[in-house]
Protein backbone atom coordinates (compact mmCIF):
# COMPACT_ATOMS: atom_id res chain seq x y z
CA MET A 1 24.43 -6.99 2.27
CA ALA A 2 22.98 -6.22 5.63
CA PHE A 3 20.10 -3.39 5.62
CA ASP A 4 21.45 -0.05 6.44
CA SER A 5 18.51 2.68 6.47
CA GLY A 6 21.11 5.36 5.45
CA ARG A 7 21.94 3.52 2.00
CA PRO A 8 19.76 2.74 -0.98
CA PHE A 9 19.03 -1.03 -1.04
CA ASN A 10 19.20 -2.01 -4.72
CA ASP A 11 20.29 -5.77 -4.09
CA LEU A 12 16.86 -7.33 -4.46
CA ALA A 13 16.71 -10.68 -6.00
CA ASP A 14 14.83 -11.21 -9.25
CA LEU A 15 11.44 -12.77 -9.45
CA PRO A 16 10.44 -15.65 -9.49
CA PRO A 17 12.61 -16.92 -6.66
CA THR A 18 14.98 -19.53 -7.65
CA PHE A 19 14.71 -21.45 -4.17
CA GLN A 20 11.83 -23.74 -3.04
CA THR A 21 9.13 -21.72 -1.60
CA GLU A 22 6.64 -24.60 -0.63
CA THR A 23 8.22 -25.45 2.72
CA ARG A 24 6.41 -27.27 5.63
CA ALA A 25 6.18 -23.73 7.41
CA ILE A 26 4.66 -21.95 4.49
CA LEU A 27 2.22 -24.71 3.91
CA ARG A 28 1.28 -24.76 7.56
CA SER A 29 0.65 -21.03 7.21
CA CYS A 30 -1.49 -21.62 4.41
CA ILE A 31 -3.69 -24.00 6.41
CA ALA A 32 -3.85 -21.44 8.96
CA ALA A 33 -4.76 -18.64 6.44
CA ARG A 34 -7.52 -20.79 4.95
CA THR A 35 -9.03 -21.60 8.36
CA ALA A 36 -9.01 -17.73 8.96
CA LEU A 37 -10.70 -17.09 5.76
CA GLU A 38 -13.37 -19.58 6.40
CA GLU A 39 -14.12 -17.93 9.58
CA LEU A 40 -14.34 -14.63 7.92
CA ARG A 41 -16.60 -16.07 5.22
CA PHE A 42 -18.86 -17.62 8.13
CA SER A 43 -18.89 -14.12 9.90
CA GLY A 44 -19.79 -12.39 6.64
CA ARG A 45 -23.01 -14.15 6.37
CA LEU A 46 -24.06 -12.74 9.83
CA ILE A 47 -24.11 -9.06 8.66
CA PRO A 48 -26.83 -7.83 6.59
CA SER A 49 -24.77 -6.53 3.73
CA GLN A 50 -21.32 -7.95 2.91
CA ALA A 51 -20.63 -4.76 1.15
CA ILE A 52 -20.40 -2.96 4.51
CA LEU A 53 -17.28 -5.16 5.41
CA ILE A 54 -15.80 -5.21 2.07
CA ASN A 55 -15.93 -1.32 1.61
CA SER A 56 -14.76 -0.64 5.16
CA ILE A 57 -11.54 -2.66 4.88
CA PRO A 58 -10.10 -0.58 2.37
CA LEU A 59 -10.93 2.58 4.32
CA LEU A 60 -9.35 1.38 7.44
CA GLU A 61 -6.18 0.19 5.41
CA ALA A 62 -5.99 3.58 3.92
CA GLN A 63 -6.15 5.04 7.28
CA ALA A 64 -3.50 2.90 8.77
CA SER A 65 -1.03 3.56 5.63
CA SER A 66 -1.56 7.14 5.75
CA GLU A 67 -0.54 7.19 9.56
CA ILE A 68 2.95 5.65 8.54
CA GLU A 69 3.56 8.96 7.01
CA ASN A 70 2.14 11.04 9.79
CA ILE A 71 -1.03 11.79 7.92
CA VAL A 72 -3.57 11.25 10.80
CA THR A 73 -7.43 11.32 10.45
CA THR A 74 -10.27 9.50 12.22
CA THR A 75 -12.29 6.61 11.14
CA ASP A 76 -15.49 8.84 11.71
CA ARG A 77 -14.00 11.32 9.11
CA LEU A 78 -13.26 8.68 6.56
CA PHE A 79 -16.52 7.15 6.74
CA ARG A 80 -18.40 10.61 6.83
CA HIS A 81 -16.50 11.69 3.66
CA ALA A 82 -16.27 8.26 1.86
CA ASN A 83 -18.67 9.34 -0.81
CA ASP A 84 -18.11 13.07 -0.54
CA VAL A 85 -18.31 14.30 -4.11
CA LYS A 86 -17.76 18.06 -3.23
CA ASP A 87 -14.43 17.11 -1.52
CA GLN A 88 -15.32 18.86 1.71
CA ALA A 89 -12.98 16.89 3.86
CA ASP A 90 -9.86 18.05 5.58
CA PRO A 91 -6.45 17.46 3.82
CA ALA A 92 -5.46 14.38 5.80
CA THR A 93 -8.92 12.71 5.23
CA ARG A 94 -8.71 13.52 1.51
CA GLU A 95 -5.32 12.04 1.28
CA ALA A 96 -6.30 8.71 3.07
CA LEU A 97 -9.42 8.49 0.82
CA ARG A 98 -7.07 8.95 -2.08
CA CYS A 99 -5.26 5.87 -0.76
CA ARG A 100 -8.35 3.94 -0.80
CA THR A 101 -8.97 5.09 -4.49
CA ALA A 102 -5.51 4.09 -5.40
CA LEU A 103 -6.06 0.64 -3.70
CA TYR A 104 -9.16 -0.01 -6.09
CA ARG A 105 -7.24 1.49 -9.09
CA GLY A 106 -4.21 -0.71 -8.59
CA PHE A 107 -6.46 -3.86 -8.01
CA GLU A 108 -8.29 -3.10 -11.33
CA MET A 109 -5.06 -2.30 -13.16
CA LEU A 110 -3.73 -5.92 -12.07
CA LYS A 111 -6.75 -7.44 -13.86
CA ARG A 112 -5.26 -6.38 -17.10
CA ARG A 113 -1.46 -6.31 -16.73
CA PRO A 114 1.20 -7.55 -14.22
CA VAL A 115 2.82 -5.68 -11.62
CA SER A 116 5.09 -3.05 -13.17
CA THR A 117 6.82 0.45 -12.66
CA ALA A 118 3.82 1.93 -14.72
CA LEU A 119 1.45 0.51 -12.28
CA ALA A 120 3.30 1.52 -9.15
CA VAL A 121 3.63 5.23 -10.71
CA GLU A 122 -0.24 5.35 -11.47
CA VAL A 123 -1.01 4.19 -7.87
CA CYS A 124 1.32 6.95 -6.46
CA ARG A 125 -0.21 9.56 -8.70
CA THR A 126 -3.55 8.53 -7.25
CA ILE A 127 -2.28 8.70 -3.68
CA LYS A 128 -0.65 12.26 -4.10
CA GLY A 129 -3.35 13.62 -6.40
CA VAL A 130 -0.74 14.98 -8.76
CA ASP A 131 1.12 13.99 -12.09
CA LEU A 132 4.33 12.55 -10.97
CA ASP A 133 6.92 9.95 -12.25
CA VAL A 134 9.71 7.74 -10.73
CA ARG A 135 11.89 10.29 -8.66
CA ASN A 136 15.21 10.98 -10.33
CA THR A 137 16.88 12.74 -7.30
CA PRO A 138 19.42 10.58 -5.24
CA GLY A 139 19.57 10.67 -1.61
CA THR A 140 15.91 10.79 -1.02
CA ALA A 141 15.24 9.35 2.68
CA LEU A 142 12.28 8.84 4.87
CA ILE A 143 13.13 10.40 8.28
CA ASN A 144 11.28 9.97 11.57
CA ASP A 145 10.40 13.74 12.34
CA ALA A 146 10.25 13.01 15.99
CA ILE A 147 13.84 12.10 16.46
CA GLY A 148 15.46 12.81 12.97
CA ASP A 149 16.49 9.07 12.28
CA VAL A 150 16.73 7.91 8.67
CA ILE A 151 14.36 5.01 8.42
CA TYR A 152 14.72 4.22 4.75
CA THR A 153 16.78 5.67 1.84
CA ALA A 154 15.18 5.34 -1.49
CA PRO A 155 17.07 3.82 -4.54
CA PRO A 156 18.43 6.68 -6.81
CA GLY A 157 15.58 6.58 -9.40
CA ARG A 158 14.84 5.65 -12.89
CA THR A 159 17.82 3.50 -13.82
CA SER A 160 17.25 1.25 -10.78
CA LEU A 161 13.59 0.76 -11.36
CA ARG A 162 13.48 0.73 -15.15
CA ARG A 163 15.85 -1.94 -16.25
CA PRO A 164 15.96 -3.03 -19.73
């Protein structure tokens, strides 16, 4: 079935894949990735504290992820409020910071259990800052506000995600 942004896509294959994943192209990509990681490791030795690099990457990822949902903040605001215990940041910056917190929380949860619906729900709760669960309303769509096009239509909820 071809992808249609106006229809829920529920035809994902079960994991693990039944086909061979260690192809030549993938193995070549692994070599390139390993080289890039080695360059990063070497570059990391050049800065006084690798914690600066490690802590800035999730902030920048949170900023980029938030922009997808039209939640825009600046890098300056993110770094200024990264350790703001009084929560004085503007709403967009607070949401991006919650994305960073959700990334850490999800990473910590993966140490104790595999990827699951419960893990996804907990990450979403952290991002949104509210107690929520899997949406049970059919027809939920992500729409480009500027032109009104449907970008993605979500599956219709609990029965699709929580299989026996």
